């Protein structure tokens, strides 16, 4: 009769009294060790198609998704992100007449973060604007192209961002990170025409 490993992990170890079966011996060890290691999959969809039936996920299982560089944990009912690899900054092309590096704060960019198991979107940099109409619109979309679907929030996220106090009665504006991938800034008026708006440290939950 097979015994189990000394670490209480349920790995079956064949006994000398068991009938010889090299294939079963190898399968018992490989399958038990594999589900207790970090499994690697190309994507979440590949993982879902693979971990079914007898190979369904078990509580405590860890997987690494190569397309999003993310470590997930199966908590018994769902996959929960526990960590991400290095997430590169991606430059956001501003909508004209906005330009990059407002107030010398750097290029307007975003990256994907994982905070306490929750995916989040972080921004940095600032945008500049040389002029406004005499009666500007109350809001402006500042990105020329929508953010990719992988970094769009599930619901509207509204946060506060800084702006210049030059030519402006305000030093903060409202930023809506929208579900369609566009970033809309509110609060402009005939007395609020800041030459730059900033995004450093702005983070929203996805």
C-alpha atoms as a PDB file:
ATOM      1  CA  UNK A   1       0.000   0.000   0.000  1.00  0.00           C
ATOM      2  CA  UNK A   2       1.443   3.403  -0.937  1.00  0.00           C
ATOM      3  CA  UNK A   3       2.369   5.868   1.782  1.00  0.00           C
ATOM      4  CA  UNK A   4       2.427   9.670   1.692  1.00  0.00           C
ATOM      5  CA  UNK A   5       5.280  12.163   1.875  1.00  0.00           C
ATOM      6  CA  UNK A   6       6.796  13.316   5.161  1.00  0.00           C
ATOM      7  CA  UNK A   7       5.557  16.905   4.673  1.00  0.00           C
ATOM      8  CA  UNK A   8       1.842  16.144   4.833  1.00  0.00           C
ATOM      9  CA  UNK A   9       1.211  17.195   1.231  1.00  0.00           C
ATOM     10  CA  UNK A  10      -0.544  14.010   0.162  1.00  0.00           C
ATOM     11  CA  UNK A  11       2.059  12.936  -2.405  1.00  0.00           C
ATOM     12  CA  UNK A  12       1.656   9.180  -2.894  1.00  0.00           C
ATOM     13  CA  UNK A  13       4.837   7.128  -2.543  1.00  0.00           C
ATOM     14  CA  UNK A  14       4.773   3.523  -3.693  1.00  0.00           C
ATOM     15  CA  UNK A  15       5.559   0.800  -1.182  1.00  0.00           C
ATOM     16  CA  UNK A  16       7.877  -2.125  -1.891  1.00  0.00           C
ATOM     17  CA  UNK A  17       4.856  -4.411  -1.492  1.00  0.00           C
ATOM     18  CA  UNK A  18       2.937  -2.701  -4.333  1.00  0.00           C
ATOM     19  CA  UNK A  19       2.768  -4.366  -7.722  1.00  0.00           C
ATOM     20  CA  UNK A  20       5.469  -2.984 -10.032  1.00  0.00           C
ATOM     21  CA  UNK A  21       4.069  -0.243 -12.295  1.00  0.00           C
ATOM     22  CA  UNK A  22       6.615   2.336 -13.401  1.00  0.00           C
ATOM     23  CA  UNK A  23       4.044   4.404 -15.333  1.00  0.00           C
ATOM     24  CA  UNK A  24       1.736   4.739 -12.326  1.00  0.00           C
ATOM     25  CA  UNK A  25       4.684   5.468 -10.035  1.00  0.00           C
ATOM     26  CA  UNK A  26       5.858   8.324 -12.263  1.00  0.00           C
ATOM     27  CA  UNK A  27       2.332   9.689 -12.796  1.00  0.00           C
ATOM     28  CA  UNK A  28       1.513   9.682  -9.066  1.00  0.00           C
ATOM     29  CA  UNK A  29       4.635  11.667  -8.248  1.00  0.00           C
ATOM     30  CA  UNK A  30       4.513  14.037 -11.247  1.00  0.00           C
ATOM     31  CA  UNK A  31       0.822  14.908 -10.883  1.00  0.00           C
ATOM     32  CA  UNK A  32       1.062  15.431  -7.138  1.00  0.00           C
ATOM     33  CA  UNK A  33       4.151  17.617  -7.368  1.00  0.00           C
ATOM     34  CA  UNK A  34       2.838  19.614 -10.357  1.00  0.00           C
ATOM     35  CA  UNK A  35      -0.358  20.770  -8.637  1.00  0.00           C
ATOM     36  CA  UNK A  36       1.702  21.908  -5.639  1.00  0.00           C
ATOM     37  CA  UNK A  37       4.188  23.891  -7.719  1.00  0.00           C
ATOM     38  CA  UNK A  38       3.575  27.039  -9.768  1.00  0.00           C
ATOM     39  CA  UNK A  39       1.817  26.021 -12.981  1.00  0.00           C
ATOM     40  CA  UNK A  40       2.557  28.116 -16.077  1.00  0.00           C
ATOM     41  CA  UNK A  41      -0.060  28.948 -18.711  1.00  0.00           C
ATOM     42  CA  UNK A  42      -0.078  31.219 -21.744  1.00  0.00           C
ATOM     43  CA  UNK A  43      -3.296  32.915 -20.587  1.00  0.00           C
ATOM     44  CA  UNK A  44      -6.281  32.621 -18.265  1.00  0.00           C
ATOM     45  CA  UNK A  45      -8.325  31.020 -21.048  1.00  0.00           C
ATOM     46  CA  UNK A  46      -5.651  28.357 -21.570  1.00  0.00           C
ATOM     47  CA  UNK A  47      -5.605  27.708 -17.835  1.00  0.00           C
ATOM     48  CA  UNK A  48      -9.376  27.385 -17.760  1.00  0.00           C
ATOM     49  CA  UNK A  49      -9.364  24.888 -20.607  1.00  0.00           C
ATOM     50  CA  UNK A  50      -6.633  22.805 -18.983  1.00  0.00           C
ATOM     51  CA  UNK A  51      -7.647  22.683 -15.315  1.00  0.00           C
ATOM     52  CA  UNK A  52     -10.890  20.727 -15.650  1.00  0.00           C
ATOM     53  CA  UNK A  53     -12.217  17.385 -14.520  1.00  0.00           C
ATOM     54  CA  UNK A  54      -9.648  15.377 -12.572  1.00  0.00           C
ATOM     55  CA  UNK A  55      -7.223  18.275 -13.081  1.00  0.00           C
ATOM     56  CA  UNK A  56      -9.567  20.935 -11.662  1.00  0.00           C
ATOM     57  CA  UNK A  57      -7.877  23.515  -9.430  1.00  0.00           C
ATOM     58  CA  UNK A  58      -7.575  22.807  -5.718  1.00  0.00           C
ATOM     59  CA  UNK A  59      -7.370  25.339  -2.906  1.00  0.00           C
ATOM     60  CA  UNK A  60      -3.884  26.788  -2.586  1.00  0.00           C
ATOM     61  CA  UNK A  61      -2.881  26.123  -6.205  1.00  0.00           C
ATOM     62  CA  UNK A  62      -0.692  28.791  -7.823  1.00  0.00           C
ATOM     63  CA  UNK A  63      -0.466  29.632 -11.519  1.00  0.00           C
ATOM     64  CA  UNK A  64       1.621  32.060 -13.553  1.00  0.00           C
ATOM     65  CA  UNK A  65      -0.071  33.692 -16.565  1.00  0.00           C
ATOM     66  CA  UNK A  66       2.526  34.548 -19.180  1.00  0.00           C
ATOM     67  CA  UNK A  67       0.468  37.060 -21.181  1.00  0.00           C
ATOM     68  CA  UNK A  68      -0.107  39.386 -18.205  1.00  0.00           C
ATOM     69  CA  UNK A  69       2.889  38.349 -16.043  1.00  0.00           C
ATOM     70  CA  UNK A  70       0.686  37.556 -13.047  1.00  0.00           C
ATOM     71  CA  UNK A  71       0.743  35.055 -10.197  1.00  0.00           C
ATOM     72  CA  UNK A  72      -2.738  33.811  -9.215  1.00  0.00           C
ATOM     73  CA  UNK A  73      -3.967  31.768  -6.253  1.00  0.00           C
ATOM     74  CA  UNK A  74      -7.037  29.496  -6.275  1.00  0.00           C
ATOM     75  CA  UNK A  75      -8.831  30.280  -2.989  1.00  0.00           C
ATOM     76  CA  UNK A  76     -11.306  27.437  -3.313  1.00  0.00           C
ATOM     77  CA  UNK A  77     -13.839  29.272  -5.453  1.00  0.00           C
ATOM     78  CA  UNK A  78     -11.980  31.766  -7.676  1.00  0.00           C
ATOM     79  CA  UNK A  79      -8.558  32.806  -8.943  1.00  0.00           C
ATOM     80  CA  UNK A  80      -7.126  35.721  -6.951  1.00  0.00           C
ATOM     81  CA  UNK A  81      -4.151  37.739  -8.192  1.00  0.00           C
ATOM     82  CA  UNK A  82      -1.374  37.758  -5.606  1.00  0.00           C
ATOM     83  CA  UNK A  83       1.469  39.341  -7.549  1.00  0.00           C
ATOM     84  CA  UNK A  84       2.504  40.680 -10.924  1.00  0.00           C
ATOM     85  CA  UNK A  85       5.868  40.846 -12.605  1.00  0.00           C
ATOM     86  CA  UNK A  86       7.518  44.079 -13.620  1.00  0.00           C
ATOM     87  CA  UNK A  87       4.948  46.173 -15.442  1.00  0.00           C
ATOM     88  CA  UNK A  88       6.455  48.507 -18.030  1.00  0.00           C
ATOM     89  CA  UNK A  89       5.245  52.077 -18.382  1.00  0.00           C
ATOM     90  CA  UNK A  90       3.283  52.735 -21.572  1.00  0.00           C
ATOM     91  CA  UNK A  91       3.113  56.225 -23.076  1.00  0.00           C
ATOM     92  CA  UNK A  92      -0.328  57.757 -23.618  1.00  0.00           C
ATOM     93  CA  UNK A  93      -0.647  59.859 -26.770  1.00  0.00           C
ATOM     94  CA  UNK A  94      -2.333  63.128 -25.761  1.00  0.00           C
ATOM     95  CA  UNK A  95      -5.285  64.575 -27.627  1.00  0.00           C
ATOM     96  CA  UNK A  96      -4.411  67.860 -29.349  1.00  0.00           C
ATOM     97  CA  UNK A  97      -3.772  70.553 -28.192  1.00  0.00           C
ATOM     98  CA  UNK A  98      -2.417  68.828 -25.086  1.00  0.00           C
ATOM     99  CA  UNK A  99       1.319  68.065 -25.162  1.00  0.00           C
ATOM    100  CA  UNK A 100       3.661  65.958 -23.059  1.00  0.00           C
ATOM    101  CA  UNK A 101       5.823  66.894 -20.057  1.00  0.00           C
ATOM    102  CA  UNK A 102       3.682  69.600 -18.497  1.00  0.00           C
ATOM    103  CA  UNK A 103       5.558  71.515 -15.785  1.00  0.00           C
ATOM    104  CA  UNK A 104       8.593  69.267 -16.531  1.00  0.00           C
ATOM    105  CA  UNK A 105       6.808  66.376 -14.791  1.00  0.00           C
ATOM    106  CA  UNK A 106       7.589  63.835 -17.487  1.00  0.00           C
ATOM    107  CA  UNK A 107       5.713  61.949 -20.171  1.00  0.00           C
ATOM    108  CA  UNK A 108       2.082  60.978 -19.526  1.00  0.00           C
ATOM    109  CA  UNK A 109       2.133  57.187 -19.047  1.00  0.00           C
ATOM    110  CA  UNK A 110       0.300  54.283 -17.389  1.00  0.00           C
ATOM    111  CA  UNK A 111       1.124  50.848 -16.042  1.00  0.00           C
ATOM    112  CA  UNK A 112      -0.735  47.903 -14.502  1.00  0.00           C
ATOM    113  CA  UNK A 113      -0.232  47.267 -10.781  1.00  0.00           C
ATOM    114  CA  UNK A 114      -1.333  44.628  -8.295  1.00  0.00           C
ATOM    115  CA  UNK A 115      -2.167  46.029  -4.863  1.00  0.00           C
ATOM    116  CA  UNK A 116      -3.131  43.504  -2.172  1.00  0.00           C
ATOM    117  CA  UNK A 117      -4.369  41.099  -4.815  1.00  0.00           C
ATOM    118  CA  UNK A 118      -6.344  43.724  -6.720  1.00  0.00           C
ATOM    119  CA  UNK A 119      -5.400  44.900 -10.192  1.00  0.00           C
ATOM    120  CA  UNK A 120      -5.001  48.663 -10.438  1.00  0.00           C
ATOM    121  CA  UNK A 121      -4.039  51.255 -13.010  1.00  0.00           C
ATOM    122  CA  UNK A 122      -1.366  53.824 -12.179  1.00  0.00           C
ATOM    123  CA  UNK A 123      -0.460  57.025 -14.024  1.00  0.00           C
ATOM    124  CA  UNK A 124       2.536  59.352 -14.042  1.00  0.00           C
ATOM    125  CA  UNK A 125       3.698  62.464 -15.896  1.00  0.00           C
ATOM    126  CA  UNK A 126       1.836  65.612 -16.862  1.00  0.00           C
ATOM    127  CA  UNK A 127       0.272  67.364 -19.848  1.00  0.00           C
ATOM    128  CA  UNK A 128       0.689  70.950 -20.983  1.00  0.00           C
ATOM    129  CA  UNK A 129      -1.550  73.295 -22.925  1.00  0.00           C
ATOM    130  CA  UNK A 130      -0.461  76.586 -24.472  1.00  0.00           C
ATOM    131  CA  UNK A 131      -3.864  78.214 -24.859  1.00  0.00           C
ATOM    132  CA  UNK A 132      -7.630  77.839 -24.359  1.00  0.00           C
ATOM    133  CA  UNK A 133     -10.702  79.329 -26.031  1.00  0.00           C
ATOM    134  CA  UNK A 134     -12.081  82.392 -24.266  1.00  0.00           C
ATOM    135  CA  UNK A 135     -14.939  80.176 -23.071  1.00  0.00           C
ATOM    136  CA  UNK A 136     -13.452  76.696 -22.748  1.00  0.00           C
ATOM    137  CA  UNK A 137     -15.411  73.497 -22.481  1.00  0.00           C
ATOM    138  CA  UNK A 138     -16.028  72.329 -18.922  1.00  0.00           C
ATOM    139  CA  UNK A 139     -14.254  69.035 -19.696  1.00  0.00           C
ATOM    140  CA  UNK A 140     -11.718  67.591 -22.110  1.00  0.00           C
ATOM    141  CA  UNK A 141     -10.751  64.070 -23.120  1.00  0.00           C
ATOM    142  CA  UNK A 142      -6.958  64.082 -22.892  1.00  0.00           C
ATOM    143  CA  UNK A 143      -5.951  60.796 -24.568  1.00  0.00           C
ATOM    144  CA  UNK A 144      -6.010  60.494 -28.344  1.00  0.00           C
ATOM    145  CA  UNK A 145      -6.564  56.712 -28.331  1.00  0.00           C
ATOM    146  CA  UNK A 146      -8.536  54.606 -25.845  1.00  0.00           C
ATOM    147  CA  UNK A 147      -6.564  52.601 -23.313  1.00  0.00           C
ATOM    148  CA  UNK A 148      -6.427  48.842 -24.048  1.00  0.00           C
ATOM    149  CA  UNK A 149      -9.330  46.785 -22.724  1.00  0.00           C
ATOM    150  CA  UNK A 150      -6.976  45.006 -20.288  1.00  0.00           C
ATOM    151  CA  UNK A 151      -6.468  48.243 -18.307  1.00  0.00           C
ATOM    152  CA  UNK A 152      -9.988  49.665 -18.429  1.00  0.00           C
ATOM    153  CA  UNK A 153     -11.906  49.781 -15.125  1.00  0.00           C
ATOM    154  CA  UNK A 154     -15.070  47.751 -14.651  1.00  0.00           C
ATOM    155  CA  UNK A 155     -16.945  50.903 -13.603  1.00  0.00           C
ATOM    156  CA  UNK A 156     -16.285  54.618 -13.820  1.00  0.00           C
ATOM    157  CA  UNK A 157     -13.432  55.724 -11.533  1.00  0.00           C
ATOM    158  CA  UNK A 158     -13.324  59.378 -10.459  1.00  0.00           C
ATOM    159  CA  UNK A 159     -10.234  60.877  -8.803  1.00  0.00           C
ATOM    160  CA  UNK A 160      -8.662  64.270  -8.191  1.00  0.00           C
ATOM    161  CA  UNK A 161      -5.582  65.459 -10.097  1.00  0.00           C
ATOM    162  CA  UNK A 162      -3.411  68.570  -9.566  1.00  0.00           C
ATOM    163  CA  UNK A 163      -3.178  71.493 -11.935  1.00  0.00           C
ATOM    164  CA  UNK A 164      -1.255  74.761 -12.130  1.00  0.00           C
ATOM    165  CA  UNK A 165      -2.517  77.720 -10.128  1.00  0.00           C
ATOM    166  CA  UNK A 166      -1.338  80.003 -12.914  1.00  0.00           C
ATOM    167  CA  UNK A 167      -4.348  81.257 -14.873  1.00  0.00           C
ATOM    168  CA  UNK A 168      -6.540  79.098 -12.687  1.00  0.00           C
ATOM    169  CA  UNK A 169      -8.722  79.677  -9.643  1.00  0.00           C
ATOM    170  CA  UNK A 170      -8.350  75.977  -8.850  1.00  0.00           C
ATOM    171  CA  UNK A 171      -5.339  73.793  -8.084  1.00  0.00           C
ATOM    172  CA  UNK A 172      -7.200  70.492  -8.594  1.00  0.00           C
ATOM    173  CA  UNK A 173      -9.433  69.062 -11.295  1.00  0.00           C
ATOM    174  CA  UNK A 174     -11.575  65.934 -11.586  1.00  0.00           C
ATOM    175  CA  UNK A 175     -10.377  62.995 -13.678  1.00  0.00           C
ATOM    176  CA  UNK A 176     -12.820  60.336 -14.895  1.00  0.00           C
ATOM    177  CA  UNK A 177     -11.164  57.068 -15.904  1.00  0.00           C
ATOM    178  CA  UNK A 178     -13.937  55.689 -18.084  1.00  0.00           C
ATOM    179  CA  UNK A 179     -14.905  52.145 -18.985  1.00  0.00           C
ATOM    180  CA  UNK A 180     -14.402  52.889 -22.687  1.00  0.00           C
ATOM    181  CA  UNK A 181     -10.705  53.616 -22.093  1.00  0.00           C
ATOM    182  CA  UNK A 182     -10.877  57.395 -22.347  1.00  0.00           C
ATOM    183  CA  UNK A 183      -9.641  59.856 -19.726  1.00  0.00           C
ATOM    184  CA  UNK A 184     -11.800  62.935 -19.262  1.00  0.00           C
ATOM    185  CA  UNK A 185     -10.778  65.893 -17.109  1.00  0.00           C
ATOM    186  CA  UNK A 186     -13.455  68.223 -15.655  1.00  0.00           C
ATOM    187  CA  UNK A 187     -13.404  71.648 -14.059  1.00  0.00           C
ATOM    188  CA  UNK A 188     -12.312  74.065 -16.792  1.00  0.00           C
ATOM    189  CA  UNK A 189     -13.953  77.466 -17.172  1.00  0.00           C
ATOM    190  CA  UNK A 190     -13.162  81.017 -18.220  1.00  0.00           C
ATOM    191  CA  UNK A 191     -11.291  81.385 -14.922  1.00  0.00           C
ATOM    192  CA  UNK A 192      -9.745  77.891 -14.913  1.00  0.00           C
ATOM    193  CA  UNK A 193      -7.237  77.582 -17.756  1.00  0.00           C
ATOM    194  CA  UNK A 194      -4.193  75.876 -16.222  1.00  0.00           C
ATOM    195  CA  UNK A 195      -1.094  75.549 -18.448  1.00  0.00           C
ATOM    196  CA  UNK A 196      -0.480  72.040 -17.081  1.00  0.00           C
ATOM    197  CA  UNK A 197      -2.317  69.167 -15.398  1.00  0.00           C
ATOM    198  CA  UNK A 198      -0.563  66.364 -13.523  1.00  0.00           C
ATOM    199  CA  UNK A 199      -1.016  62.622 -13.020  1.00  0.00           C
ATOM    200  CA  UNK A 200       1.901  61.510 -10.816  1.00  0.00           C
ATOM    201  CA  UNK A 201       0.817  58.896  -8.271  1.00  0.00           C
ATOM    202  CA  UNK A 202      -2.779  58.713  -9.507  1.00  0.00           C
ATOM    203  CA  UNK A 203      -3.998  55.119  -9.084  1.00  0.00           C
ATOM    204  CA  UNK A 204      -7.442  53.610  -9.651  1.00  0.00           C
ATOM    205  CA  UNK A 205      -8.816  50.143  -9.064  1.00  0.00           C
ATOM    206  CA  UNK A 206      -9.778  48.096 -12.104  1.00  0.00           C
END
